[in-house]
Amino acid sequence: MKTRIVCSAFALALSVAVPVVQAQISIGPMAGVSIYTFTGSDAEIFDADLSTSKSSRVGFLGGAFAEFEFGNVLALEPQLLWVQKGAKYNVNLTDGTGSGSATVKLDYIQFPVLLKAEYRQAGKDFAPSLFAGPAVAFKTSCKITAEADGVSASDDCPSDTISSTDWSLIFGLGFEFKRFEFQARYDLGLSSVSQDSAVDIKNGGWGFTLGYGIPIK
């Protein structure tokens, strides 16, 4: 029985390894802009004394990728990224006596694994693509900054309130020209940013990146 299990595992490993070995591989850097906000039923702030509006936190998205191309149609692209997520709230007192803003700044190391459907033509230097795949992110920092009447303050988020991991589904489209690739993606949050499972607040946002792939095989 043990021999059969070992042989089956070896065969499975070969079935995965052989296509990867035969793939055209390129690696390189990528960087761009992240535009995130909070989604979910608890993402809004309701208070009789406040008038609030939720907007996006604009930040940085960047890191590295590896692309494994299987012919002219399919490719697998794992990525290692630093992503700035979070949200911004604009706050006004209903009696008109004051206003301000507060920004929740959540930074993550994110690992997306994207399956790409590409359209390549022989002799052409460009190729459009569609992609989708899961991603897991690990929180590196969380800060809350506030500003009112020209005075600003910043502090770390309470350590027992924010989840250390963030699961999401990424999908979007890309366009390659020679070694350059532009990607536009949406990051759909699947898990709450709160450690309290009853609180429905998720990350959600857009990312726009430019990458440069260097063939290594």
N, C-alpha and C. Protein backbone atom coordinates (compact mmCIF):
# COMPACT_ATOMS: atom_id res chain seq x y z
N MET A 1 0.82 -1.20 0.00
CA MET A 1 0.00 0.00 0.00
C MET A 1 0.86 1.26 0.00
N LYS A 2 1.91 1.28 0.87
CA LYS A 2 2.78 2.44 0.92
C LYS A 2 3.48 2.66 -0.42
N THR A 3 3.91 1.53 -1.04
CA THR A 3 4.58 1.63 -2.33
C THR A 3 3.65 2.22 -3.39
N ARG A 4 2.38 1.81 -3.33
CA ARG A 4 1.41 2.34 -4.30
C ARG A 4 1.19 3.83 -4.09
N ILE A 5 1.12 4.26 -2.84
CA ILE A 5 0.93 5.69 -2.55
C ILE A 5 2.12 6.49 -3.03
N VAL A 6 3.33 5.98 -2.77
CA VAL A 6 4.54 6.69 -3.20
C VAL A 6 4.58 6.79 -4.72
N CYS A 7 4.25 5.70 -5.41
CA CYS A 7 4.25 5.70 -6.87
C CYS A 7 3.21 6.68 -7.43
N SER A 8 2.03 6.73 -6.81
CA SER A 8 0.98 7.66 -7.24
C SER A 8 1.42 9.11 -7.05
N ALA A 9 2.04 9.39 -5.90
CA ALA A 9 2.52 10.75 -5.63
C ALA A 9 3.61 11.13 -6.63
N PHE A 10 4.49 10.18 -6.95
CA PHE A 10 5.56 10.45 -7.90
C PHE A 10 4.99 10.73 -9.28
N ALA A 11 3.98 9.96 -9.68
CA ALA A 11 3.35 10.17 -10.99
C ALA A 11 2.66 11.52 -11.06
N LEU A 12 2.00 11.91 -9.96
CA LEU A 12 1.35 13.21 -9.91
C LEU A 12 2.37 14.32 -10.01
N ALA A 13 3.49 14.18 -9.31
CA ALA A 13 4.55 15.20 -9.36
C ALA A 13 5.09 15.34 -10.77
N LEU A 14 5.27 14.20 -11.46
CA LEU A 14 5.77 14.24 -12.83
C LEU A 14 4.78 14.92 -13.77
N SER A 15 3.48 14.64 -13.55
CA SER A 15 2.45 15.24 -14.41
C SER A 15 2.42 16.74 -14.31
N VAL A 16 2.82 17.28 -13.14
CA VAL A 16 2.89 18.73 -12.96
C VAL A 16 4.23 19.27 -13.42
N ALA A 17 5.31 18.53 -13.13
CA ALA A 17 6.65 19.02 -13.40
C ALA A 17 6.97 19.07 -14.88
N VAL A 18 6.51 18.05 -15.64
CA VAL A 18 6.86 17.99 -17.05
C VAL A 18 6.35 19.19 -17.84
N PRO A 19 5.05 19.58 -17.70
CA PRO A 19 4.61 20.77 -18.41
C PRO A 19 5.36 22.03 -17.99
N VAL A 20 5.70 22.17 -16.69
CA VAL A 20 6.43 23.34 -16.23
C VAL A 20 7.82 23.38 -16.84
N VAL A 21 8.48 22.21 -16.90
CA VAL A 21 9.82 22.16 -17.50
C VAL A 21 9.76 22.54 -18.97
N GLN A 22 8.70 22.15 -19.66
CA GLN A 22 8.57 22.44 -21.08
C GLN A 22 8.08 23.86 -21.36
N ALA A 23 7.64 24.57 -20.35
CA ALA A 23 7.08 25.91 -20.54
C ALA A 23 8.16 26.93 -20.86
N GLN A 24 7.73 27.99 -21.55
CA GLN A 24 8.58 29.16 -21.74
C GLN A 24 8.47 30.02 -20.48
N ILE A 25 9.60 30.33 -19.87
CA ILE A 25 9.59 30.99 -18.57
C ILE A 25 10.21 32.38 -18.68
N SER A 26 9.57 33.35 -18.04
CA SER A 26 10.14 34.69 -17.92
C SER A 26 9.86 35.21 -16.52
N ILE A 27 10.75 36.04 -16.02
CA ILE A 27 10.60 36.66 -14.71
C ILE A 27 10.90 38.14 -14.83
N GLY A 28 10.41 38.91 -13.85
CA GLY A 28 10.69 40.33 -13.90
C GLY A 28 9.96 41.12 -12.85
N PRO A 29 10.23 42.41 -12.80
CA PRO A 29 9.55 43.29 -11.84
C PRO A 29 8.23 43.82 -12.38
N MET A 30 7.39 44.26 -11.47
CA MET A 30 6.15 44.93 -11.85
C MET A 30 5.80 45.95 -10.77
N ALA A 31 5.18 47.05 -11.17
CA ALA A 31 4.83 48.10 -10.23
C ALA A 31 3.68 48.92 -10.78
N GLY A 32 2.94 49.55 -9.86
CA GLY A 32 1.83 50.36 -10.32
C GLY A 32 1.08 51.01 -9.17
N VAL A 33 -0.18 51.26 -9.39
CA VAL A 33 -1.04 52.00 -8.46
C VAL A 33 -2.14 51.10 -7.93
N SER A 34 -2.41 51.19 -6.63
CA SER A 34 -3.53 50.49 -6.01
C SER A 34 -4.59 51.50 -5.58
N ILE A 35 -5.85 51.16 -5.80
CA ILE A 35 -6.98 52.03 -5.43
C ILE A 35 -7.99 51.15 -4.69
N TYR A 36 -7.95 51.20 -3.36
CA TYR A 36 -8.74 50.27 -2.54
C TYR A 36 -9.70 51.01 -1.63
N THR A 37 -10.78 50.32 -1.27
CA THR A 37 -11.70 50.79 -0.26
C THR A 37 -12.24 49.57 0.48
N PHE A 38 -13.12 49.80 1.45
CA PHE A 38 -13.75 48.70 2.17
C PHE A 38 -15.10 48.38 1.55
N THR A 39 -15.42 47.09 1.49
CA THR A 39 -16.72 46.63 1.05
C THR A 39 -17.34 45.79 2.16
N GLY A 40 -18.60 45.44 2.01
CA GLY A 40 -19.28 44.65 3.02
C GLY A 40 -20.34 45.45 3.74
N SER A 41 -21.23 44.74 4.44
CA SER A 41 -22.38 45.38 5.08
C SER A 41 -22.00 46.28 6.24
N ASP A 42 -20.82 46.09 6.83
CA ASP A 42 -20.40 46.92 7.96
C ASP A 42 -19.34 47.95 7.58
N ALA A 43 -19.14 48.17 6.27
CA ALA A 43 -18.10 49.09 5.84
C ALA A 43 -18.48 50.56 6.01
N GLU A 44 -19.78 50.84 6.06
CA GLU A 44 -20.24 52.22 6.23
C GLU A 44 -20.30 52.59 7.71
N ILE A 45 -20.19 53.88 7.99
CA ILE A 45 -20.28 54.39 9.36
C ILE A 45 -21.60 55.12 9.51
N PHE A 46 -22.39 54.71 10.51
CA PHE A 46 -23.69 55.34 10.75
C PHE A 46 -23.68 55.97 12.14
N ASP A 47 -23.90 57.27 12.18
CA ASP A 47 -23.94 58.01 13.44
C ASP A 47 -24.84 59.23 13.25
N ALA A 48 -25.75 59.45 14.18
CA ALA A 48 -26.70 60.55 14.05
C ALA A 48 -26.01 61.91 14.06
N ASP A 49 -24.84 62.00 14.68
CA ASP A 49 -24.14 63.28 14.78
C ASP A 49 -23.13 63.49 13.66
N LEU A 50 -22.96 62.49 12.80
CA LEU A 50 -21.93 62.58 11.76
C LEU A 50 -22.52 62.34 10.38
N SER A 51 -21.95 63.01 9.41
CA SER A 51 -22.23 62.74 8.01
C SER A 51 -20.93 62.23 7.39
N THR A 52 -20.92 60.98 6.96
CA THR A 52 -19.68 60.38 6.47
C THR A 52 -19.83 59.91 5.03
N SER A 53 -18.73 59.90 4.33
CA SER A 53 -18.67 59.34 2.98
C SER A 53 -17.38 58.53 2.85
N LYS A 54 -17.51 57.34 2.29
CA LYS A 54 -16.36 56.45 2.14
C LYS A 54 -15.73 56.64 0.78
N SER A 55 -14.42 56.71 0.74
CA SER A 55 -13.71 56.83 -0.53
C SER A 55 -12.52 55.88 -0.53
N SER A 56 -11.68 55.98 -1.53
CA SER A 56 -10.60 55.03 -1.71
C SER A 56 -9.28 55.56 -1.17
N ARG A 57 -8.46 54.60 -0.74
CA ARG A 57 -7.07 54.90 -0.44
C ARG A 57 -6.25 54.61 -1.69
N VAL A 58 -5.53 55.59 -2.17
CA VAL A 58 -4.66 55.41 -3.33
C VAL A 58 -3.25 55.14 -2.83
N GLY A 59 -2.68 54.02 -3.28
CA GLY A 59 -1.37 53.63 -2.78
C GLY A 59 -0.50 53.00 -3.85
N PHE A 60 0.42 52.16 -3.41
CA PHE A 60 1.42 51.54 -4.28
C PHE A 60 1.19 50.04 -4.35
N LEU A 61 1.49 49.49 -5.50
CA LEU A 61 1.40 48.04 -5.74
C LEU A 61 2.63 47.65 -6.55
N GLY A 62 3.43 46.74 -6.04
CA GLY A 62 4.62 46.37 -6.78
C GLY A 62 5.31 45.15 -6.23
N GLY A 63 6.17 44.57 -7.07
CA GLY A 63 6.91 43.39 -6.66
C GLY A 63 7.51 42.69 -7.86
N ALA A 64 7.31 41.37 -7.94
CA ALA A 64 7.91 40.57 -9.01
C ALA A 64 6.94 39.49 -9.44
N PHE A 65 7.17 38.95 -10.64
CA PHE A 65 6.33 37.89 -11.17
C PHE A 65 7.18 36.88 -11.93
N ALA A 66 6.62 35.71 -12.12
CA ALA A 66 7.19 34.69 -12.99
C ALA A 66 6.07 34.17 -13.88
N GLU A 67 6.33 34.07 -15.17
CA GLU A 67 5.30 33.61 -16.10
C GLU A 67 5.76 32.32 -16.78
N PHE A 68 4.88 31.32 -16.73
CA PHE A 68 5.12 30.03 -17.38
C PHE A 68 4.13 29.91 -18.54
N GLU A 69 4.62 30.02 -19.76
CA GLU A 69 3.76 29.98 -20.94
C GLU A 69 3.69 28.58 -21.51
N PHE A 70 2.47 28.08 -21.70
CA PHE A 70 2.23 26.76 -22.27
C PHE A 70 1.62 26.95 -23.65
N GLY A 71 2.47 27.06 -24.66
CA GLY A 71 1.98 27.32 -26.00
C GLY A 71 1.56 28.76 -26.18
N ASN A 72 0.57 28.97 -27.06
CA ASN A 72 0.13 30.33 -27.38
C ASN A 72 -1.17 30.73 -26.69
N VAL A 73 -1.67 29.87 -25.80
CA VAL A 73 -2.99 30.14 -25.22
C VAL A 73 -2.95 30.28 -23.71
N LEU A 74 -2.33 29.35 -23.01
CA LEU A 74 -2.38 29.32 -21.56
C LEU A 74 -1.05 29.71 -20.93
N ALA A 75 -1.15 30.34 -19.77
CA ALA A 75 0.04 30.68 -18.99
C ALA A 75 -0.33 30.70 -17.51
N LEU A 76 0.64 30.44 -16.68
CA LEU A 76 0.48 30.51 -15.23
C LEU A 76 1.42 31.57 -14.71
N GLU A 77 0.90 32.48 -13.89
CA GLU A 77 1.72 33.61 -13.42
C GLU A 77 1.60 33.79 -11.90
N PRO A 78 2.51 33.21 -11.13
CA PRO A 78 2.58 33.53 -9.70
C PRO A 78 3.26 34.89 -9.51
N GLN A 79 2.83 35.60 -8.50
CA GLN A 79 3.37 36.94 -8.22
C GLN A 79 3.68 37.09 -6.74
N LEU A 80 4.61 37.95 -6.44
CA LEU A 80 4.94 38.34 -5.06
C LEU A 80 4.88 39.86 -5.00
N LEU A 81 3.91 40.38 -4.25
CA LEU A 81 3.62 41.81 -4.30
C LEU A 81 3.53 42.43 -2.91
N TRP A 82 3.87 43.70 -2.85
CA TRP A 82 3.54 44.52 -1.70
C TRP A 82 2.38 45.42 -2.12
N VAL A 83 1.27 45.33 -1.38
CA VAL A 83 0.05 46.02 -1.77
C VAL A 83 -0.44 46.91 -0.62
N GLN A 84 -0.76 48.14 -0.95
CA GLN A 84 -1.35 49.06 0.03
C GLN A 84 -2.86 49.07 -0.16
N LYS A 85 -3.58 48.59 0.87
CA LYS A 85 -5.04 48.54 0.83
C LYS A 85 -5.59 49.45 1.93
N GLY A 86 -6.89 49.34 2.18
CA GLY A 86 -7.52 50.16 3.22
C GLY A 86 -8.65 51.00 2.67
N ALA A 87 -8.96 52.10 3.36
CA ALA A 87 -10.05 52.97 2.94
C ALA A 87 -9.91 54.33 3.61
N LYS A 88 -10.60 55.30 3.03
CA LYS A 88 -10.62 56.66 3.59
C LYS A 88 -12.06 57.06 3.86
N TYR A 89 -12.27 57.74 4.99
CA TYR A 89 -13.59 58.24 5.36
C TYR A 89 -13.52 59.76 5.55
N ASN A 90 -14.41 60.46 4.88
CA ASN A 90 -14.56 61.89 5.09
C ASN A 90 -15.71 62.11 6.06
N VAL A 91 -15.48 62.91 7.09
CA VAL A 91 -16.43 63.05 8.19
C VAL A 91 -16.80 64.52 8.38
N ASN A 92 -18.09 64.78 8.53
CA ASN A 92 -18.59 66.11 8.82
C ASN A 92 -19.59 66.03 9.96
N LEU A 93 -19.49 66.93 10.93
CA LEU A 93 -20.49 67.02 11.98
C LEU A 93 -21.77 67.58 11.39
N THR A 94 -22.89 66.97 11.75
CA THR A 94 -24.16 67.38 11.17
C THR A 94 -24.56 68.80 11.55
N ASP A 95 -24.01 69.30 12.64
CA ASP A 95 -24.35 70.69 13.01
C ASP A 95 -23.46 71.71 12.32
N GLY A 96 -22.56 71.23 11.46
CA GLY A 96 -21.72 72.13 10.67
C GLY A 96 -20.54 72.73 11.42
N THR A 97 -20.22 72.23 12.59
CA THR A 97 -19.16 72.85 13.39
C THR A 97 -17.77 72.28 13.10
N GLY A 98 -17.66 71.24 12.30
CA GLY A 98 -16.34 70.69 12.05
C GLY A 98 -16.36 69.60 11.00
N SER A 99 -15.20 69.33 10.45
CA SER A 99 -15.06 68.28 9.45
C SER A 99 -13.65 67.73 9.51
N GLY A 100 -13.46 66.58 8.91
CA GLY A 100 -12.14 65.96 8.90
C GLY A 100 -12.16 64.68 8.08
N SER A 101 -11.09 63.93 8.20
CA SER A 101 -11.00 62.67 7.47
C SER A 101 -10.19 61.67 8.28
N ALA A 102 -10.44 60.41 8.01
CA ALA A 102 -9.70 59.33 8.67
C ALA A 102 -9.38 58.27 7.61
N THR A 103 -8.16 57.78 7.62
CA THR A 103 -7.72 56.78 6.65
C THR A 103 -7.17 55.56 7.37
N VAL A 104 -7.71 54.41 7.01
CA VAL A 104 -7.18 53.14 7.51
C VAL A 104 -6.18 52.62 6.49
N LYS A 105 -4.92 52.53 6.89
CA LYS A 105 -3.85 52.14 5.98
C LYS A 105 -3.41 50.71 6.30
N LEU A 106 -3.83 49.79 5.45
CA LEU A 106 -3.48 48.38 5.60
C LEU A 106 -2.48 47.99 4.51
N ASP A 107 -1.31 47.51 4.91
CA ASP A 107 -0.28 47.09 3.97
C ASP A 107 -0.07 45.59 4.07
N TYR A 108 0.11 44.94 2.92
CA TYR A 108 0.21 43.49 2.87
C TYR A 108 1.34 43.04 1.94
N ILE A 109 1.86 41.85 2.22
CA ILE A 109 2.60 41.06 1.25
C ILE A 109 1.62 40.07 0.66
N GLN A 110 1.43 40.12 -0.65
CA GLN A 110 0.38 39.33 -1.29
C GLN A 110 0.98 38.33 -2.29
N PHE A 111 0.38 37.14 -2.34
CA PHE A 111 0.81 36.07 -3.24
C PHE A 111 -0.35 35.67 -4.15
N PRO A 112 -0.53 36.29 -5.31
CA PRO A 112 -1.52 35.83 -6.27
C PRO A 112 -0.94 34.73 -7.17
N VAL A 113 -1.80 33.81 -7.59
CA VAL A 113 -1.45 32.81 -8.60
C VAL A 113 -2.51 32.91 -9.69
N LEU A 114 -2.12 33.43 -10.85
CA LEU A 114 -3.08 33.76 -11.89
C LEU A 114 -2.98 32.78 -13.06
N LEU A 115 -4.13 32.30 -13.50
CA LEU A 115 -4.22 31.51 -14.72
C LEU A 115 -4.63 32.46 -15.85
N LYS A 116 -3.82 32.48 -16.91
CA LYS A 116 -4.02 33.44 -17.99
C LYS A 116 -4.42 32.74 -19.28
N ALA A 117 -5.38 33.33 -19.95
CA ALA A 117 -5.75 32.92 -21.30
C ALA A 117 -5.26 34.00 -22.25
N GLU A 118 -4.30 33.65 -23.10
CA GLU A 118 -3.65 34.62 -23.97
C GLU A 118 -4.03 34.38 -25.43
N TYR A 119 -3.91 35.43 -26.22
CA TYR A 119 -4.14 35.31 -27.65
C TYR A 119 -2.88 35.76 -28.36
N ARG A 120 -2.06 34.80 -28.74
CA ARG A 120 -0.79 35.09 -29.40
C ARG A 120 -0.86 34.67 -30.87
N GLN A 121 -0.28 35.49 -31.72
CA GLN A 121 -0.20 35.19 -33.13
C GLN A 121 1.26 35.16 -33.55
N ALA A 122 1.60 34.22 -34.39
CA ALA A 122 2.98 34.08 -34.86
C ALA A 122 3.44 35.36 -35.55
N GLY A 123 4.61 35.82 -35.19
CA GLY A 123 5.17 37.01 -35.81
C GLY A 123 4.69 38.32 -35.23
N LYS A 124 3.80 38.28 -34.24
CA LYS A 124 3.28 39.49 -33.62
C LYS A 124 3.98 39.75 -32.29
N ASP A 125 4.21 41.02 -31.97
CA ASP A 125 4.89 41.39 -30.73
C ASP A 125 3.93 41.70 -29.60
N PHE A 126 2.63 41.56 -29.84
CA PHE A 126 1.65 41.91 -28.81
C PHE A 126 0.69 40.75 -28.59
N ALA A 127 0.12 40.72 -27.39
CA ALA A 127 -0.83 39.67 -27.05
C ALA A 127 -1.74 40.14 -25.92
N PRO A 128 -3.07 40.20 -26.14
CA PRO A 128 -4.01 40.49 -25.06
C PRO A 128 -4.24 39.23 -24.23
N SER A 129 -4.71 39.42 -23.01
CA SER A 129 -4.95 38.26 -22.14
C SER A 129 -6.04 38.57 -21.14
N LEU A 130 -6.67 37.50 -20.65
CA LEU A 130 -7.58 37.54 -19.51
C LEU A 130 -6.99 36.66 -18.43
N PHE A 131 -7.19 37.03 -17.16
CA PHE A 131 -6.61 36.23 -16.09
C PHE A 131 -7.50 36.24 -14.86
N ALA A 132 -7.32 35.21 -14.05
CA ALA A 132 -8.05 35.11 -12.78
C ALA A 132 -7.30 34.12 -11.90
N GLY A 133 -7.46 34.29 -10.59
CA GLY A 133 -6.83 33.36 -9.67
C GLY A 133 -6.95 33.82 -8.24
N PRO A 134 -6.65 32.92 -7.31
CA PRO A 134 -6.74 33.24 -5.88
C PRO A 134 -5.50 34.00 -5.41
N ALA A 135 -5.64 34.63 -4.26
CA ALA A 135 -4.51 35.34 -3.64
C ALA A 135 -4.66 35.30 -2.13
N VAL A 136 -3.53 35.17 -1.46
CA VAL A 136 -3.50 35.30 -0.01
C VAL A 136 -2.51 36.40 0.33
N ALA A 137 -2.87 37.23 1.29
CA ALA A 137 -2.03 38.35 1.69
C ALA A 137 -1.80 38.31 3.20
N PHE A 138 -0.61 38.71 3.60
CA PHE A 138 -0.23 38.73 5.01
C PHE A 138 0.05 40.17 5.44
N LYS A 139 -0.64 40.59 6.47
CA LYS A 139 -0.55 41.98 6.93
C LYS A 139 0.84 42.29 7.44
N THR A 140 1.41 43.39 6.97
CA THR A 140 2.70 43.87 7.46
C THR A 140 2.56 45.07 8.38
N SER A 141 1.51 45.87 8.19
CA SER A 141 1.28 47.01 9.06
C SER A 141 -0.15 47.50 8.93
N CYS A 142 -0.61 48.18 9.96
CA CYS A 142 -1.93 48.81 9.94
C CYS A 142 -1.87 50.09 10.76
N LYS A 143 -2.19 51.21 10.13
CA LYS A 143 -2.20 52.50 10.81
C LYS A 143 -3.50 53.23 10.50
N ILE A 144 -3.90 54.05 11.44
CA ILE A 144 -5.05 54.93 11.25
C ILE A 144 -4.56 56.37 11.36
N THR A 145 -4.78 57.14 10.32
CA THR A 145 -4.41 58.55 10.34
C THR A 145 -5.68 59.39 10.29
N ALA A 146 -5.68 60.47 11.01
CA ALA A 146 -6.84 61.36 11.06
C ALA A 146 -6.40 62.80 10.92
N GLU A 147 -7.26 63.60 10.30
CA GLU A 147 -6.96 65.02 10.12
C GLU A 147 -8.24 65.82 10.32
N ALA A 148 -8.15 66.90 11.11
CA ALA A 148 -9.29 67.78 11.35
C ALA A 148 -8.79 69.17 11.70
N ASP A 149 -9.34 70.16 11.03
CA ASP A 149 -9.00 71.56 11.30
C ASP A 149 -7.49 71.80 11.24
N GLY A 150 -6.84 71.18 10.26
CA GLY A 150 -5.42 71.40 10.07
C GLY A 150 -4.51 70.62 11.00
N VAL A 151 -5.08 69.82 11.88
CA VAL A 151 -4.29 69.02 12.82
C VAL A 151 -4.39 67.55 12.42
N SER A 152 -3.24 66.87 12.37
CA SER A 152 -3.23 65.47 11.97
C SER A 152 -2.62 64.60 13.07
N ALA A 153 -3.02 63.35 13.08
CA ALA A 153 -2.50 62.38 14.06
C ALA A 153 -2.49 61.01 13.42
N SER A 154 -1.61 60.13 13.94
CA SER A 154 -1.49 58.79 13.40
C SER A 154 -1.18 57.81 14.52
N ASP A 155 -1.75 56.62 14.41
CA ASP A 155 -1.50 55.61 15.43
C ASP A 155 -1.67 54.23 14.82
N ASP A 156 -1.04 53.22 15.43
CA ASP A 156 -1.19 51.85 14.97
C ASP A 156 -2.58 51.33 15.30
N CYS A 157 -3.09 50.43 14.46
CA CYS A 157 -4.36 49.79 14.76
C CYS A 157 -4.20 48.88 15.97
N PRO A 158 -5.20 48.75 16.81
CA PRO A 158 -5.14 47.78 17.91
C PRO A 158 -4.83 46.38 17.38
N SER A 159 -3.88 45.71 17.99
CA SER A 159 -3.39 44.44 17.46
C SER A 159 -4.44 43.33 17.49
N ASP A 160 -5.46 43.46 18.32
CA ASP A 160 -6.46 42.40 18.46
C ASP A 160 -7.71 42.65 17.62
N THR A 161 -7.63 43.58 16.65
CA THR A 161 -8.81 43.91 15.87
C THR A 161 -8.69 43.53 14.39
N ILE A 162 -7.49 43.54 13.84
CA ILE A 162 -7.30 43.33 12.41
C ILE A 162 -6.72 41.94 12.15
N SER A 163 -7.33 41.22 11.22
CA SER A 163 -6.87 39.89 10.86
C SER A 163 -5.49 39.96 10.20
N SER A 164 -4.67 38.95 10.45
CA SER A 164 -3.32 38.95 9.89
C SER A 164 -3.27 38.46 8.46
N THR A 165 -4.34 37.82 7.97
CA THR A 165 -4.37 37.32 6.60
C THR A 165 -5.60 37.87 5.86
N ASP A 166 -5.46 37.95 4.55
CA ASP A 166 -6.52 38.49 3.71
C ASP A 166 -6.62 37.64 2.45
N TRP A 167 -7.74 36.93 2.29
CA TRP A 167 -7.97 36.08 1.13
C TRP A 167 -8.80 36.83 0.09
N SER A 168 -8.47 36.62 -1.17
CA SER A 168 -9.20 37.33 -2.21
C SER A 168 -9.14 36.59 -3.54
N LEU A 169 -9.96 37.04 -4.47
CA LEU A 169 -9.97 36.54 -5.84
C LEU A 169 -9.61 37.70 -6.75
N ILE A 170 -8.62 37.48 -7.61
CA ILE A 170 -8.15 38.53 -8.51
C ILE A 170 -8.52 38.15 -9.94
N PHE A 171 -9.04 39.12 -10.69
CA PHE A 171 -9.33 38.89 -12.10
C PHE A 171 -9.17 40.20 -12.86
N GLY A 172 -8.89 40.07 -14.15
CA GLY A 172 -8.70 41.28 -14.94
C GLY A 172 -8.21 40.97 -16.34
N LEU A 173 -7.60 41.95 -16.96
CA LEU A 173 -7.11 41.79 -18.31
C LEU A 173 -5.71 42.39 -18.42
N GLY A 174 -4.98 41.90 -19.40
CA GLY A 174 -3.62 42.38 -19.61
C GLY A 174 -3.34 42.58 -21.09
N PHE A 175 -2.23 43.25 -21.35
CA PHE A 175 -1.81 43.46 -22.73
C PHE A 175 -0.28 43.47 -22.75
N GLU A 176 0.28 42.53 -23.51
CA GLU A 176 1.73 42.42 -23.62
C GLU A 176 2.21 43.03 -24.94
N PHE A 177 3.31 43.77 -24.85
CA PHE A 177 3.97 44.28 -26.04
C PHE A 177 5.46 44.04 -25.86
N LYS A 178 5.97 43.12 -26.66
CA LYS A 178 7.34 42.65 -26.51
C LYS A 178 7.53 42.14 -25.09
N ARG A 179 8.43 42.74 -24.31
CA ARG A 179 8.66 42.26 -22.94
C ARG A 179 7.84 43.01 -21.90
N PHE A 180 7.10 44.01 -22.30
CA PHE A 180 6.30 44.80 -21.36
C PHE A 180 4.89 44.24 -21.28
N GLU A 181 4.32 44.31 -20.06
CA GLU A 181 2.94 43.87 -19.87
C GLU A 181 2.20 44.83 -18.95
N PHE A 182 1.09 45.34 -19.43
CA PHE A 182 0.20 46.16 -18.61
C PHE A 182 -0.94 45.28 -18.12
N GLN A 183 -1.27 45.39 -16.83
CA GLN A 183 -2.39 44.65 -16.26
C GLN A 183 -3.33 45.59 -15.52
N ALA A 184 -4.62 45.37 -15.71
CA ALA A 184 -5.67 46.04 -14.94
C ALA A 184 -6.44 44.94 -14.23
N ARG A 185 -6.49 45.01 -12.89
CA ARG A 185 -7.08 43.92 -12.11
C ARG A 185 -8.05 44.45 -11.07
N TYR A 186 -8.98 43.59 -10.71
CA TYR A 186 -9.83 43.86 -9.55
C TYR A 186 -9.56 42.81 -8.50
N ASP A 187 -9.40 43.26 -7.26
CA ASP A 187 -9.10 42.38 -6.13
C ASP A 187 -10.36 42.29 -5.28
N LEU A 188 -11.04 41.16 -5.37
CA LEU A 188 -12.31 40.96 -4.67
C LEU A 188 -12.05 40.29 -3.33
N GLY A 189 -12.24 41.01 -2.23
CA GLY A 189 -12.00 40.46 -0.91
C GLY A 189 -12.97 39.35 -0.56
N LEU A 190 -12.45 38.25 -0.01
CA LEU A 190 -13.28 37.12 0.38
C LEU A 190 -13.36 36.94 1.89
N SER A 191 -12.43 37.53 2.63
CA SER A 191 -12.40 37.39 4.09
C SER A 191 -12.45 38.76 4.73
N SER A 192 -12.99 38.81 5.94
CA SER A 192 -13.11 40.08 6.65
C SER A 192 -11.76 40.55 7.16
N VAL A 193 -11.54 41.85 7.15
CA VAL A 193 -10.30 42.40 7.70
C VAL A 193 -10.32 42.38 9.22
N SER A 194 -11.50 42.16 9.79
CA SER A 194 -11.65 42.13 11.24
C SER A 194 -11.44 40.72 11.77
N GLN A 195 -10.86 40.63 12.96
CA GLN A 195 -10.73 39.33 13.62
C GLN A 195 -12.07 38.81 14.11
N ASP A 196 -13.05 39.69 14.24
CA ASP A 196 -14.39 39.29 14.63
C ASP A 196 -15.13 38.79 13.40
N SER A 197 -15.42 37.51 13.33
CA SER A 197 -16.05 36.93 12.16
C SER A 197 -17.45 37.47 11.90
N ALA A 198 -18.06 38.10 12.91
CA ALA A 198 -19.39 38.65 12.73
C ALA A 198 -19.37 40.01 12.04
N VAL A 199 -18.18 40.61 11.90
CA VAL A 199 -18.04 41.92 11.27
C VAL A 199 -17.72 41.73 9.79
N ASP A 200 -18.57 42.28 8.93
CA ASP A 200 -18.44 42.11 7.48
C ASP A 200 -17.78 43.35 6.88
N ILE A 201 -16.45 43.38 6.91
CA ILE A 201 -15.68 44.43 6.26
C ILE A 201 -14.56 43.76 5.47
N LYS A 202 -14.54 43.98 4.17
CA LYS A 202 -13.56 43.35 3.30
C LYS A 202 -12.80 44.40 2.50
N ASN A 203 -11.59 44.03 2.10
CA ASN A 203 -10.84 44.86 1.16
C ASN A 203 -11.35 44.61 -0.25
N GLY A 204 -11.39 45.66 -1.03
CA GLY A 204 -11.75 45.52 -2.44
C GLY A 204 -11.17 46.69 -3.21
N GLY A 205 -10.59 46.42 -4.37
CA GLY A 205 -10.03 47.54 -5.09
C GLY A 205 -9.36 47.16 -6.40
N TRP A 206 -8.91 48.21 -7.08
CA TRP A 206 -8.30 48.09 -8.39
C TRP A 206 -6.79 48.21 -8.29
N GLY A 207 -6.12 47.54 -9.22
CA GLY A 207 -4.68 47.68 -9.35
C GLY A 207 -4.31 47.81 -10.82
N PHE A 208 -3.38 48.71 -11.11
CA PHE A 208 -2.91 48.94 -12.47
C PHE A 208 -1.39 48.86 -12.45
N THR A 209 -0.84 47.90 -13.19
CA THR A 209 0.60 47.64 -13.10
C THR A 209 1.24 47.57 -14.48
N LEU A 210 2.53 47.84 -14.49
CA LEU A 210 3.36 47.66 -15.68
C LEU A 210 4.51 46.75 -15.30
N GLY A 211 4.68 45.67 -16.04
CA GLY A 211 5.75 44.72 -15.76
C GLY A 211 6.71 44.57 -16.92
N TYR A 212 7.88 44.03 -16.63
CA TYR A 212 8.89 43.80 -17.67
C TYR A 212 9.43 42.39 -17.49
N GLY A 213 9.13 41.51 -18.45
CA GLY A 213 9.52 40.11 -18.34
C GLY A 213 10.83 39.81 -19.05
N ILE A 214 11.70 39.10 -18.38
CA ILE A 214 13.00 38.70 -18.92
C ILE A 214 13.00 37.20 -19.14
N PRO A 215 13.06 36.74 -20.40
CA PRO A 215 13.04 35.29 -20.65
C PRO A 215 14.28 34.62 -20.04
N ILE A 216 14.03 33.49 -19.37
CA ILE A 216 15.15 32.73 -18.83
C ILE A 216 15.20 31.33 -19.43
N LYS A 217 14.20 31.01 -20.26
CA LYS A 217 14.19 29.72 -20.92
C LYS A 217 13.38 29.81 -22.20
